[in-house]
Amino acid sequence: MTTLKLAKLPDRKPVKISITVSPELHASLQAYAETYRTTYGDSEEVRDLIPYMIEQFLAADRAFTQARKVTSGAQTNGRREGRAK
């Protein structure tokens, strides 16, 4: 079997998720989109900003990042052990 430097690419098919938010959160998201527009001069829909906001939130959550590393390490170690058998 050929071994390439580049690993197989992950699934990149977008997943659609629908959520319901409170009126207060909706107003805040609209205000954020307006602030984004005045800051960058580009108008973006709230629905287009939300995925990047969530991504930024998760990346900034240190406890989550650490927990994910621990979980990933345990899964990776398990796979390695499975291959060695």
N, C-alpha and C. Protein backbone atom coordinates (compact mmCIF):
# COMPACT_ATOMS: atom_id res chain seq x y z
N MET A 1 0.84 -1.18 0.00
CA MET A 1 0.00 0.00 0.00
C MET A 1 0.88 1.24 0.00
N THR A 2 0.55 2.21 -0.84
CA THR A 2 1.31 3.45 -0.93
C THR A 2 1.03 4.33 0.29
N THR A 3 2.09 4.93 0.84
CA THR A 3 1.94 5.86 1.95
C THR A 3 2.26 7.26 1.46
N LEU A 4 1.31 8.16 1.57
CA LEU A 4 1.49 9.54 1.15
C LEU A 4 1.76 10.42 2.36
N LYS A 5 2.46 11.52 2.14
CA LYS A 5 2.68 12.49 3.22
C LYS A 5 1.37 13.10 3.67
N LEU A 6 0.46 13.33 2.72
CA LEU A 6 -0.83 13.91 3.03
C LEU A 6 -1.81 12.81 3.41
N ALA A 7 -2.35 12.91 4.62
CA ALA A 7 -3.35 11.93 5.06
C ALA A 7 -4.64 12.13 4.29
N LYS A 8 -5.50 11.14 4.33
CA LYS A 8 -6.80 11.25 3.68
C LYS A 8 -7.55 12.43 4.26
N LEU A 9 -8.12 13.24 3.39
CA LEU A 9 -8.83 14.42 3.84
C LEU A 9 -10.08 14.03 4.62
N PRO A 10 -10.43 14.84 5.64
CA PRO A 10 -11.62 14.54 6.43
C PRO A 10 -12.89 14.88 5.63
N ASP A 11 -14.01 14.40 6.10
CA ASP A 11 -15.30 14.71 5.49
C ASP A 11 -15.52 16.22 5.58
N ARG A 12 -15.76 16.85 4.47
CA ARG A 12 -15.94 18.30 4.43
C ARG A 12 -17.36 18.69 4.04
N LYS A 13 -18.26 17.73 4.04
CA LYS A 13 -19.64 18.01 3.69
C LYS A 13 -20.29 18.79 4.84
N PRO A 14 -20.82 19.97 4.56
CA PRO A 14 -21.45 20.76 5.62
C PRO A 14 -22.65 20.03 6.22
N VAL A 15 -22.88 20.28 7.49
CA VAL A 15 -24.01 19.71 8.20
C VAL A 15 -24.92 20.87 8.61
N LYS A 16 -26.17 20.80 8.23
CA LYS A 16 -27.12 21.86 8.56
C LYS A 16 -27.75 21.57 9.91
N ILE A 17 -27.74 22.57 10.77
CA ILE A 17 -28.33 22.47 12.10
C ILE A 17 -29.31 23.63 12.27
N SER A 18 -30.49 23.34 12.72
CA SER A 18 -31.48 24.39 12.99
C SER A 18 -31.58 24.59 14.49
N ILE A 19 -31.65 25.85 14.90
CA ILE A 19 -31.79 26.16 16.33
C ILE A 19 -32.87 27.22 16.51
N THR A 20 -33.37 27.28 17.70
CA THR A 20 -34.32 28.32 18.08
C THR A 20 -33.65 29.13 19.18
N VAL A 21 -33.67 30.45 19.05
CA VAL A 21 -33.04 31.32 20.03
C VAL A 21 -34.08 32.26 20.63
N SER A 22 -33.74 32.79 21.78
CA SER A 22 -34.63 33.75 22.43
C SER A 22 -34.65 35.06 21.65
N PRO A 23 -35.69 35.86 21.84
CA PRO A 23 -35.72 37.17 21.18
C PRO A 23 -34.53 38.04 21.57
N GLU A 24 -34.10 37.93 22.82
CA GLU A 24 -32.96 38.73 23.29
C GLU A 24 -31.68 38.33 22.57
N LEU A 25 -31.47 37.01 22.43
CA LEU A 25 -30.28 36.54 21.72
C LEU A 25 -30.34 36.94 20.25
N HIS A 26 -31.51 36.84 19.65
CA HIS A 26 -31.67 37.24 18.25
C HIS A 26 -31.31 38.71 18.08
N ALA A 27 -31.78 39.55 18.98
CA ALA A 27 -31.46 40.99 18.92
C ALA A 27 -29.95 41.20 19.07
N SER A 28 -29.32 40.45 19.97
CA SER A 28 -27.86 40.57 20.15
C SER A 28 -27.11 40.13 18.89
N LEU A 29 -27.57 39.06 18.28
CA LEU A 29 -26.92 38.59 17.05
C LEU A 29 -27.08 39.61 15.92
N GLN A 30 -28.25 40.22 15.83
CA GLN A 30 -28.47 41.27 14.83
C GLN A 30 -27.55 42.46 15.10
N ALA A 31 -27.42 42.83 16.37
CA ALA A 31 -26.54 43.94 16.74
C ALA A 31 -25.09 43.60 16.41
N TYR A 32 -24.71 42.34 16.62
CA TYR A 32 -23.35 41.92 16.31
C TYR A 32 -23.10 42.03 14.80
N ALA A 33 -24.07 41.59 14.01
CA ALA A 33 -23.94 41.68 12.55
C ALA A 33 -23.80 43.13 12.11
N GLU A 34 -24.54 44.02 12.76
CA GLU A 34 -24.44 45.45 12.43
C GLU A 34 -23.07 46.00 12.83
N THR A 35 -22.57 45.60 13.99
CA THR A 35 -21.24 46.02 14.43
C THR A 35 -20.18 45.49 13.48
N TYR A 36 -20.35 44.26 13.03
CA TYR A 36 -19.44 43.66 12.05
C TYR A 36 -19.42 44.52 10.77
N ARG A 37 -20.62 44.92 10.33
CA ARG A 37 -20.73 45.72 9.11
C ARG A 37 -20.02 47.07 9.26
N THR A 38 -20.23 47.74 10.38
CA THR A 38 -19.59 49.04 10.57
C THR A 38 -18.08 48.90 10.78
N THR A 39 -17.65 47.79 11.34
CA THR A 39 -16.22 47.58 11.58
C THR A 39 -15.48 47.23 10.30
N TYR A 40 -16.03 46.31 9.52
CA TYR A 40 -15.33 45.81 8.34
C TYR A 40 -15.86 46.33 7.01
N GLY A 41 -17.02 46.98 7.04
CA GLY A 41 -17.59 47.49 5.79
C GLY A 41 -18.25 46.43 4.94
N ASP A 42 -18.37 45.23 5.45
CA ASP A 42 -19.02 44.13 4.73
C ASP A 42 -20.28 43.72 5.49
N SER A 43 -21.37 43.61 4.78
CA SER A 43 -22.61 43.17 5.39
C SER A 43 -22.70 41.65 5.31
N GLU A 44 -22.85 41.01 6.46
CA GLU A 44 -22.97 39.55 6.53
C GLU A 44 -24.25 39.20 7.27
N GLU A 45 -24.91 38.17 6.81
CA GLU A 45 -26.11 37.70 7.49
C GLU A 45 -25.72 37.01 8.80
N VAL A 46 -26.60 37.11 9.77
CA VAL A 46 -26.36 36.45 11.06
C VAL A 46 -26.09 34.97 10.85
N ARG A 47 -26.86 34.32 10.00
CA ARG A 47 -26.70 32.87 9.77
C ARG A 47 -25.32 32.54 9.23
N ASP A 48 -24.68 33.49 8.53
CA ASP A 48 -23.34 33.26 8.01
C ASP A 48 -22.26 33.53 9.05
N LEU A 49 -22.56 34.37 10.03
CA LEU A 49 -21.60 34.68 11.09
C LEU A 49 -21.58 33.61 12.19
N ILE A 50 -22.72 33.01 12.46
CA ILE A 50 -22.85 32.08 13.59
C ILE A 50 -21.83 30.95 13.57
N PRO A 51 -21.60 30.24 12.46
CA PRO A 51 -20.61 29.16 12.51
C PRO A 51 -19.22 29.64 12.92
N TYR A 52 -18.83 30.82 12.45
CA TYR A 52 -17.51 31.35 12.82
C TYR A 52 -17.48 31.80 14.27
N MET A 53 -18.60 32.30 14.77
CA MET A 53 -18.68 32.69 16.17
C MET A 53 -18.54 31.46 17.07
N ILE A 54 -19.22 30.39 16.71
CA ILE A 54 -19.14 29.16 17.50
C ILE A 54 -17.73 28.58 17.44
N GLU A 55 -17.16 28.56 16.25
CA GLU A 55 -15.79 28.06 16.09
C GLU A 55 -14.81 28.85 16.96
N GLN A 56 -14.95 30.17 16.96
CA GLN A 56 -14.08 31.04 17.77
C GLN A 56 -14.29 30.77 19.26
N PHE A 57 -15.53 30.60 19.66
CA PHE A 57 -15.85 30.31 21.05
C PHE A 57 -15.19 29.01 21.50
N LEU A 58 -15.34 27.95 20.70
CA LEU A 58 -14.76 26.66 21.06
C LEU A 58 -13.23 26.73 21.10
N ALA A 59 -12.63 27.44 20.16
CA ALA A 59 -11.17 27.56 20.13
C ALA A 59 -10.65 28.32 21.35
N ALA A 60 -11.45 29.24 21.88
CA ALA A 60 -11.01 30.05 23.02
C ALA A 60 -11.29 29.38 24.37
N ASP A 61 -12.05 28.30 24.38
CA ASP A 61 -12.39 27.62 25.63
C ASP A 61 -11.27 26.65 25.99
N ARG A 62 -10.41 27.08 26.89
CA ARG A 62 -9.22 26.28 27.25
C ARG A 62 -9.57 24.94 27.88
N ALA A 63 -10.58 24.92 28.71
CA ALA A 63 -10.96 23.66 29.36
C ALA A 63 -11.43 22.66 28.30
N PHE A 64 -12.21 23.13 27.34
CA PHE A 64 -12.68 22.25 26.27
C PHE A 64 -11.50 21.76 25.43
N THR A 65 -10.59 22.67 25.09
CA THR A 65 -9.43 22.30 24.29
C THR A 65 -8.60 21.23 24.99
N GLN A 66 -8.37 21.41 26.28
CA GLN A 66 -7.60 20.42 27.06
C GLN A 66 -8.34 19.08 27.12
N ALA A 67 -9.63 19.12 27.39
CA ALA A 67 -10.41 17.88 27.47
C ALA A 67 -10.40 17.16 26.12
N ARG A 68 -10.46 17.91 25.06
CA ARG A 68 -10.46 17.29 23.73
C ARG A 68 -9.11 16.65 23.43
N LYS A 69 -8.03 17.29 23.86
CA LYS A 69 -6.70 16.71 23.67
C LYS A 69 -6.58 15.39 24.42
N VAL A 70 -7.07 15.35 25.65
CA VAL A 70 -7.01 14.14 26.46
C VAL A 70 -7.83 13.04 25.78
N THR A 71 -9.02 13.37 25.32
CA THR A 71 -9.88 12.39 24.66
C THR A 71 -9.25 11.92 23.36
N SER A 72 -8.70 12.84 22.57
CA SER A 72 -8.05 12.47 21.31
C SER A 72 -6.84 11.58 21.56
N GLY A 73 -6.09 11.89 22.59
CA GLY A 73 -4.92 11.08 22.93
C GLY A 73 -5.30 9.68 23.31
N ALA A 74 -6.38 9.52 24.06
CA ALA A 74 -6.84 8.20 24.47
C ALA A 74 -7.30 7.40 23.25
N GLN A 75 -8.00 8.06 22.32
CA GLN A 75 -8.46 7.37 21.12
C GLN A 75 -7.28 6.99 20.24
N THR A 76 -6.31 7.89 20.10
CA THR A 76 -5.14 7.61 19.27
C THR A 76 -4.34 6.46 19.86
N ASN A 77 -4.15 6.47 21.18
CA ASN A 77 -3.41 5.39 21.82
C ASN A 77 -4.10 4.06 21.63
N GLY A 78 -5.43 4.06 21.72
CA GLY A 78 -6.18 2.83 21.52
C GLY A 78 -6.01 2.29 20.11
N ARG A 79 -5.97 3.17 19.14
CA ARG A 79 -5.79 2.72 17.75
C ARG A 79 -4.40 2.15 17.56
N ARG A 80 -3.42 2.77 18.13
CA ARG A 80 -2.05 2.28 17.99
C ARG A 80 -1.91 0.91 18.60
N GLU A 81 -2.51 0.74 19.78
CA GLU A 81 -2.44 -0.57 20.42
C GLU A 81 -3.13 -1.62 19.57
N GLY A 82 -4.24 -1.24 18.95
CA GLY A 82 -4.96 -2.18 18.10
C GLY A 82 -4.14 -2.61 16.90
N ARG A 83 -3.35 -1.70 16.36
CA ARG A 83 -2.51 -2.04 15.20
C ARG A 83 -1.36 -2.95 15.59
N ALA A 84 -0.86 -2.76 16.80
CA ALA A 84 0.32 -3.53 17.23
C ALA A 84 -0.02 -5.00 17.45
N LYS A 85 -1.28 -5.30 17.70
CA LYS A 85 -1.65 -6.69 18.01
C LYS A 85 -1.58 -7.60 16.83
